[in-house]
Amino acid sequence: MFHQNEATDFAPDLSDKTLPGRQRVAGVVYDDVRKQHTICFLDEFGNYLDSFELHHLVMREEDPLVREKLDDMQIRLRKAIYTHRPAAWALGMSDSSDLRVREMLRKFNVDWQAMLEDRDLCKLLPPNFKPPKIEMVDSRIARVWARSRAAAVELRDLDESRKKAVSVGRTLRSPLSAVASLFTADMDALNLALCEMQDVAPRLPLLRRLEQQMVSIVAVVGLDINGLLKERARSEQGLVQFLPGFGPRKATGLLRSVAGTSVEIVRRHELTASPFDITPRMPHFSFQSTTSCGQQQD
C-alpha cells in the first residue's frame, strides 16, 4: 500500500482544461544499452513534459539494498504520476523486460483501486484521480522517428531513449499523427519495413504511393482542423498535408497564416478566403469542426 504522504505534491485537477478527445499519456520504452526503462510524460497535445528512469527493475529484488531502492523509486514514480496525471501508459513492445514494468504498473492500479473504494484512503489521492490504463504499443514508428532529423530538431535536449518514449506515447494518442511525422524531406517513412523487396524498389514511387494511402485514410477519418492549428499541437500538424486537395505546400501556407492567431475555421469555403487564400486541388475536402462537436459543416 501507499504511504500517507505520497500524494502531497500534485498538480490541481486538469479535467476542465483538457479538450474532449485529448488525454495526457506516458510513453515507456526499454533502453538495451543502459538496461533501464525510460518514461516520458506528455500533455494533452503530445508535447514533452517530464521524464523518469526506472533503474532497478532488472535487478534481483532479494537484495535488501535493491529492494530499498525499488521502494524509493516507486514512491517517486507515483508522485510523478500524481503531478502529470496520465490517462494511459503506452508501453513500447520490445522484449520480456516489458513484462516487469507492466506488472509493476498493474500492481499500482490494484492498490489505487483499493484506495478509491475506501472512504478514508481515497482522501489521500488527488481529486478525481483515475488509475491510468495500460496499453501495449508497437514501437517500430518510435525507433525510426527517434533517429530522424525532425526528432533531433524538436527534442534536441533529449537522448534517443527519451525520444522513443515520446514517440510511443504519441503513437497511442494518435497513430495517424505518428505515421505522418515520418513524412519528411528525408523520407523517414521509407525506413519502416513496409513490404518484401523494399530495398530494391524505387524509393520515390513507393513514397508517393504511401502518401496516396495517407490521403485516402484522412479522407475517411477526417481531421479536427481547428485542434491541429493550435500552437500547442505542433507534433500533430504533419497531418494537415494529407487533407484531400492540400499537400505540403498548402499545408505550410495554412499553418503560417494562422501562427500566433486564435482564428477558427467553421466552414470549408473559409479556406479559400483571406487570410488563408487556399485553393485545394480537389473540389471536395473534409475536416471536423470543433465548434459542432465533430460534425462536418459545408
Protein backbone atom coordinates (compact mmCIF):
# COMPACT_ATOMS: atom_id res chain seq x y z
CA MET A 1 0.00 0.00 0.00
CA PHE A 2 0.99 3.64 -0.36
CA HIS A 3 2.48 5.83 2.33
CA GLN A 4 0.31 8.54 3.81
CA ASN A 5 2.37 11.43 2.44
CA GLU A 6 2.70 10.20 -1.13
CA ALA A 7 0.04 12.43 -2.65
CA THR A 8 1.12 15.69 -1.04
CA ASP A 9 2.70 17.18 -4.19
CA PHE A 10 0.42 17.01 -7.18
CA ALA A 11 -0.99 19.34 -9.79
CA PRO A 12 -4.58 20.63 -9.49
CA ASP A 13 -7.33 18.78 -11.29
CA LEU A 14 -6.83 19.21 -15.06
CA SER A 15 -10.09 17.65 -16.23
CA ASP A 16 -11.69 21.02 -17.01
CA LYS A 17 -8.61 22.10 -19.03
CA THR A 18 -8.36 19.01 -21.23
CA LEU A 19 -10.10 19.20 -24.61
CA PRO A 20 -12.56 16.39 -25.45
CA GLY A 21 -10.68 13.54 -27.05
CA ARG A 22 -7.30 14.77 -25.83
CA GLN A 23 -5.70 12.93 -22.95
CA ARG A 24 -2.33 13.01 -21.25
CA VAL A 25 -0.27 9.87 -21.71
CA ALA A 26 3.09 8.47 -20.58
CA GLY A 27 5.32 6.61 -23.03
CA VAL A 28 7.54 3.79 -21.70
CA VAL A 29 10.46 2.14 -23.53
CA TYR A 30 13.33 -0.13 -22.55
CA ASP A 31 16.91 1.03 -23.11
CA ASP A 32 19.00 -2.01 -24.10
CA VAL A 33 22.28 -0.17 -23.54
CA ARG A 34 21.65 1.18 -20.05
CA LYS A 35 19.36 -1.72 -19.05
CA GLN A 36 16.61 0.52 -17.75
CA HIS A 37 13.14 1.73 -18.61
CA THR A 38 12.54 5.33 -19.63
CA ILE A 39 9.20 7.07 -19.06
CA CYS A 40 8.21 10.34 -20.74
CA PHE A 41 5.08 12.21 -19.68
CA LEU A 42 3.19 14.07 -22.43
CA ASP A 43 0.50 16.71 -22.21
CA GLU A 44 -2.88 16.51 -23.96
CA PHE A 45 -1.30 17.79 -27.20
CA GLY A 46 1.54 15.25 -27.18
CA ASN A 47 4.20 17.71 -26.01
CA TYR A 48 7.01 16.54 -23.74
CA LEU A 49 6.58 17.43 -20.06
CA ASP A 50 8.99 15.39 -17.98
CA SER A 51 10.84 12.06 -17.84
CA PHE A 52 11.55 9.36 -15.29
CA GLU A 53 14.04 6.48 -15.32
CA LEU A 54 13.42 3.04 -13.81
CA HIS A 55 16.88 1.76 -12.94
CA HIS A 56 16.32 -1.27 -10.78
CA LEU A 57 13.57 -3.38 -12.36
CA VAL A 58 16.12 -5.73 -13.94
CA MET A 59 17.99 -6.36 -10.66
CA ARG A 60 17.40 -9.13 -8.15
CA GLU A 61 14.82 -7.98 -5.62
CA GLU A 62 16.15 -10.39 -2.97
CA ASP A 63 18.98 -7.96 -2.25
CA PRO A 64 17.78 -5.70 0.63
CA LEU A 65 19.60 -2.70 -0.80
CA VAL A 66 17.97 -3.21 -4.21
CA ARG A 67 14.59 -3.68 -2.52
CA GLU A 68 15.03 -0.36 -0.70
CA LYS A 69 15.99 1.42 -3.91
CA LEU A 70 12.99 -0.11 -5.68
CA ASP A 71 10.62 1.09 -2.95
CA ASP A 72 12.05 4.61 -3.12
CA MET A 73 11.84 4.64 -6.92
CA GLN A 74 8.20 3.55 -6.86
CA ILE A 75 7.30 6.30 -4.38
CA ARG A 76 8.93 8.92 -6.59
CA LEU A 77 7.21 7.49 -9.66
CA ARG A 78 3.79 7.63 -8.03
CA LYS A 79 4.38 11.28 -7.13
CA ALA A 80 5.28 11.96 -10.77
CA ILE A 81 2.02 10.27 -11.79
CA TYR A 82 0.05 12.45 -9.36
CA THR A 83 1.70 15.52 -10.86
CA HIS A 84 1.27 14.78 -14.57
CA ARG A 85 -1.95 12.73 -14.38
CA PRO A 86 -1.58 10.47 -17.47
CA ALA A 87 -4.80 8.80 -18.60
CA ALA A 88 -2.85 5.85 -20.03
CA TRP A 89 0.54 4.16 -20.16
CA ALA A 90 1.92 3.49 -23.65
CA LEU A 91 4.32 0.55 -23.28
CA GLY A 92 6.59 0.17 -26.29
CA MET A 93 6.88 -3.52 -27.08
CA SER A 94 10.47 -4.75 -27.25
CA ASP A 95 11.23 -7.87 -25.19
CA SER A 96 10.40 -9.71 -21.96
CA SER A 97 11.66 -6.76 -19.88
CA ASP A 98 8.37 -5.02 -20.70
CA LEU A 99 6.55 -7.62 -18.60
CA ARG A 100 8.22 -6.41 -15.39
CA VAL A 101 7.24 -2.79 -15.82
CA ARG A 102 3.73 -3.80 -16.87
CA GLU A 103 3.39 -5.94 -13.74
CA MET A 104 4.59 -3.04 -11.56
CA LEU A 105 2.07 -0.65 -13.12
CA ARG A 106 -0.67 -3.25 -12.79
CA LYS A 107 0.07 -3.52 -9.05
CA PHE A 108 -0.10 0.28 -8.83
CA ASN A 109 -3.58 0.18 -10.33
CA VAL A 110 -4.74 -2.59 -7.97
CA ASP A 111 -3.61 -0.54 -4.97
CA TRP A 112 -5.17 2.64 -6.33
CA GLN A 113 -8.47 0.90 -6.98
CA ALA A 114 -8.50 -0.40 -3.41
CA MET A 115 -7.84 3.12 -2.12
CA LEU A 116 -10.61 4.58 -4.27
CA GLU A 117 -13.07 2.10 -2.83
CA ASP A 118 -12.14 3.03 0.75
CA ARG A 119 -13.83 6.18 2.05
CA ASP A 120 -10.82 7.21 4.15
CA LEU A 121 -7.92 6.10 1.93
CA CYS A 122 -9.39 7.79 -1.17
CA LYS A 123 -8.76 11.15 0.52
CA LEU A 124 -5.01 10.52 0.18
CA LEU A 125 -5.28 10.63 -3.63
CA PRO A 126 -5.54 13.76 -5.81
CA PRO A 127 -9.10 14.94 -6.59
CA ASN A 128 -10.79 12.99 -9.42
CA PHE A 129 -7.82 10.66 -9.73
CA LYS A 130 -8.22 7.65 -12.02
CA PRO A 131 -5.66 4.85 -12.41
CA PRO A 132 -4.04 5.10 -15.89
CA LYS A 133 -4.89 2.39 -18.38
CA ILE A 134 -2.05 0.16 -19.55
CA GLU A 135 -1.71 -0.24 -23.32
CA MET A 136 0.93 -2.08 -25.35
CA VAL A 137 2.13 -0.09 -28.39
CA ASP A 138 4.10 -1.14 -31.47
CA SER A 139 7.40 0.72 -31.18
CA ARG A 140 8.59 0.47 -34.81
CA ILE A 141 7.49 4.02 -35.62
CA ALA A 142 9.24 5.27 -32.47
CA ARG A 143 12.53 3.60 -33.40
CA VAL A 144 12.54 5.33 -36.79
CA TRP A 145 11.39 8.73 -35.55
CA ALA A 146 13.87 8.82 -32.64
CA ARG A 147 16.77 8.66 -35.11
CA SER A 148 15.31 11.24 -37.51
CA ARG A 149 16.45 14.80 -38.10
CA ALA A 150 12.96 16.00 -37.13
CA ALA A 151 13.32 14.44 -33.68
CA ALA A 152 16.79 15.96 -33.27
CA VAL A 153 15.37 19.41 -34.02
CA GLU A 154 12.24 19.17 -31.86
CA LEU A 155 13.77 17.37 -28.86
CA ARG A 156 17.39 18.41 -29.15
CA ASP A 157 18.00 18.14 -25.41
CA LEU A 158 16.71 14.56 -25.08
CA ASP A 159 18.60 11.34 -25.70
CA GLU A 160 17.39 8.66 -28.10
CA SER A 161 15.67 6.63 -25.39
CA ARG A 162 13.53 9.59 -24.32
CA LYS A 163 12.71 10.42 -27.94
CA LYS A 164 11.46 6.85 -28.38
CA ALA A 165 9.31 7.15 -25.26
CA VAL A 166 7.82 10.42 -26.55
CA SER A 167 7.02 8.82 -29.91
CA VAL A 168 5.48 5.73 -28.30
CA GLY A 169 3.21 7.98 -26.25
CA ARG A 170 2.21 9.94 -29.33
CA THR A 171 1.53 6.71 -31.21
CA LEU A 172 -1.01 5.71 -28.57
CA ARG A 173 -2.61 9.17 -28.61
CA SER A 174 -2.85 9.41 -32.40
CA PRO A 175 -1.38 6.62 -34.56
CA LEU A 176 -2.15 8.57 -37.73
CA SER A 177 -0.20 11.60 -36.49
CA ALA A 178 2.72 9.37 -35.53
CA VAL A 179 2.88 7.95 -39.05
CA ALA A 180 2.54 11.44 -40.57
CA SER A 181 5.58 12.58 -38.57
CA LEU A 182 7.74 10.30 -40.73
CA PHE A 183 6.81 12.03 -44.00
CA THR A 184 9.74 14.43 -44.04
CA ALA A 185 12.23 15.74 -46.59
CA ASP A 186 14.48 12.85 -45.53
CA MET A 187 11.72 10.35 -46.43
CA ASP A 188 11.87 8.74 -42.98
CA ALA A 189 8.66 6.83 -43.74
CA LEU A 190 10.66 4.57 -46.04
CA ASN A 191 12.76 3.41 -43.08
CA LEU A 192 9.76 1.41 -41.89
CA ALA A 193 9.55 -2.21 -43.02
CA LEU A 194 6.66 -1.94 -45.46
CA CYS A 195 6.89 -4.80 -47.93
CA GLU A 196 9.12 -7.52 -49.34
CA MET A 197 11.89 -6.40 -51.70
CA GLN A 198 11.52 -2.87 -50.33
CA ASP A 199 15.26 -2.24 -50.56
CA VAL A 200 15.28 -2.71 -54.33
CA ALA A 201 12.03 -0.86 -55.06
CA PRO A 202 12.26 2.72 -56.42
CA ARG A 203 12.02 4.98 -53.39
CA LEU A 204 10.13 7.94 -54.84
CA PRO A 205 7.23 5.96 -56.41
CA LEU A 206 6.92 4.00 -53.17
CA LEU A 207 6.76 7.22 -51.16
CA ARG A 208 4.09 8.66 -53.48
CA ARG A 209 2.02 5.53 -53.04
CA LEU A 210 2.28 5.86 -49.28
CA GLU A 211 1.20 9.48 -49.48
CA GLN A 212 -1.85 8.48 -51.52
CA GLN A 213 -2.76 5.93 -48.86
CA MET A 214 -2.47 8.57 -46.14
CA VAL A 215 -4.75 10.96 -48.07
CA SER A 216 -7.32 8.19 -48.51
CA ILE A 217 -7.26 7.37 -44.79
CA VAL A 218 -7.56 11.02 -43.74
CA ALA A 219 -10.48 11.47 -46.17
CA VAL A 220 -12.32 8.67 -44.38
CA VAL A 221 -11.33 9.52 -40.81
CA GLY A 222 -11.46 13.33 -41.09
CA LEU A 223 -9.42 15.81 -39.06
CA ASP A 224 -10.12 18.18 -36.20
CA ILE A 225 -8.63 21.03 -38.22
CA ASN A 226 -9.02 23.70 -35.52
CA GLY A 227 -7.40 21.44 -32.97
CA LEU A 228 -4.45 20.85 -35.29
CA LEU A 229 -3.99 24.57 -35.95
CA LYS A 230 -3.40 25.34 -32.28
CA GLU A 231 0.17 26.32 -31.44
CA ARG A 232 0.47 23.55 -28.86
CA ALA A 233 -0.48 20.88 -31.42
CA ARG A 234 2.76 21.19 -33.40
CA SER A 235 3.56 17.50 -33.02
CA GLU A 236 0.37 16.60 -34.93
CA GLN A 237 0.47 19.23 -37.66
CA GLY A 238 2.12 16.89 -40.15
CA LEU A 239 -1.37 15.52 -40.78
CA VAL A 240 -2.58 18.76 -42.41
CA GLN A 241 -0.67 18.00 -45.64
CA PHE A 242 -2.80 14.87 -46.10
CA LEU A 243 -6.11 16.72 -46.23
CA PRO A 244 -7.52 15.82 -49.67
CA GLY A 245 -6.66 18.63 -52.06
CA PHE A 246 -3.85 20.05 -49.94
CA GLY A 247 -0.29 18.76 -49.92
CA PRO A 248 2.89 20.01 -48.18
CA ARG A 249 2.96 23.49 -49.76
CA LYS A 250 -0.66 24.41 -49.00
CA ALA A 251 -0.42 22.88 -45.52
CA THR A 252 2.65 25.01 -44.78
CA GLY A 253 0.84 28.10 -46.04
CA LEU A 254 -2.18 27.39 -43.86
CA LEU A 255 -0.07 26.85 -40.74
CA ARG A 256 1.88 30.05 -41.35
CA SER A 257 -1.30 32.08 -41.88
CA VAL A 258 -2.74 31.09 -38.50
CA ALA A 259 0.51 31.16 -36.49
CA GLY A 260 0.07 33.36 -33.41
CA THR A 261 -3.65 33.90 -34.01
CA SER A 262 -6.83 32.50 -32.47
CA VAL A 263 -8.66 32.13 -35.77
CA GLU A 264 -11.01 29.17 -36.20
CA ILE A 265 -12.42 27.66 -39.37
CA VAL A 266 -16.14 26.88 -39.23
CA ARG A 267 -16.93 26.09 -42.88
CA ARG A 268 -14.85 24.61 -45.66
CA HIS A 269 -15.19 27.55 -48.03
CA GLU A 270 -13.48 29.83 -45.49
CA LEU A 271 -10.16 28.28 -46.53
CA THR A 272 -10.42 29.99 -49.91
CA ALA A 273 -10.86 33.46 -48.36
CA SER A 274 -8.48 35.79 -46.52
CA PRO A 275 -6.30 35.23 -44.55
CA PHE A 276 -5.92 31.70 -45.91
CA ASP A 277 -6.43 32.16 -49.68
CA ILE A 278 -6.01 28.44 -50.28
CA THR A 279 -7.48 26.77 -53.35
CA PRO A 280 -7.39 22.98 -52.88
CA ARG A 281 -6.59 20.87 -55.94
CA MET A 282 -9.86 18.99 -55.47
CA PRO A 283 -13.39 20.42 -55.17
CA HIS A 284 -14.13 18.36 -52.05
CA PHE A 285 -12.10 18.13 -48.88
CA SER A 286 -13.15 17.30 -45.34
CA PHE A 287 -12.39 18.17 -41.77
CA GLN A 288 -14.16 18.02 -38.43
CA SER A 289 -15.30 21.25 -36.81
CA THR A 290 -14.64 21.64 -33.08
CA THR A 291 -17.50 24.15 -32.89
CA SER A 292 -20.09 21.46 -33.63
CA CYS A 293 -18.74 18.50 -31.65
CA GLY A 294 -17.06 16.93 -34.66
CA GLN A 295 -19.92 17.33 -37.15
CA GLN A 296 -18.80 18.45 -40.59
CA GLN A 297 -20.21 21.69 -41.90
CA ASP A 298 -20.49 22.79 -45.51
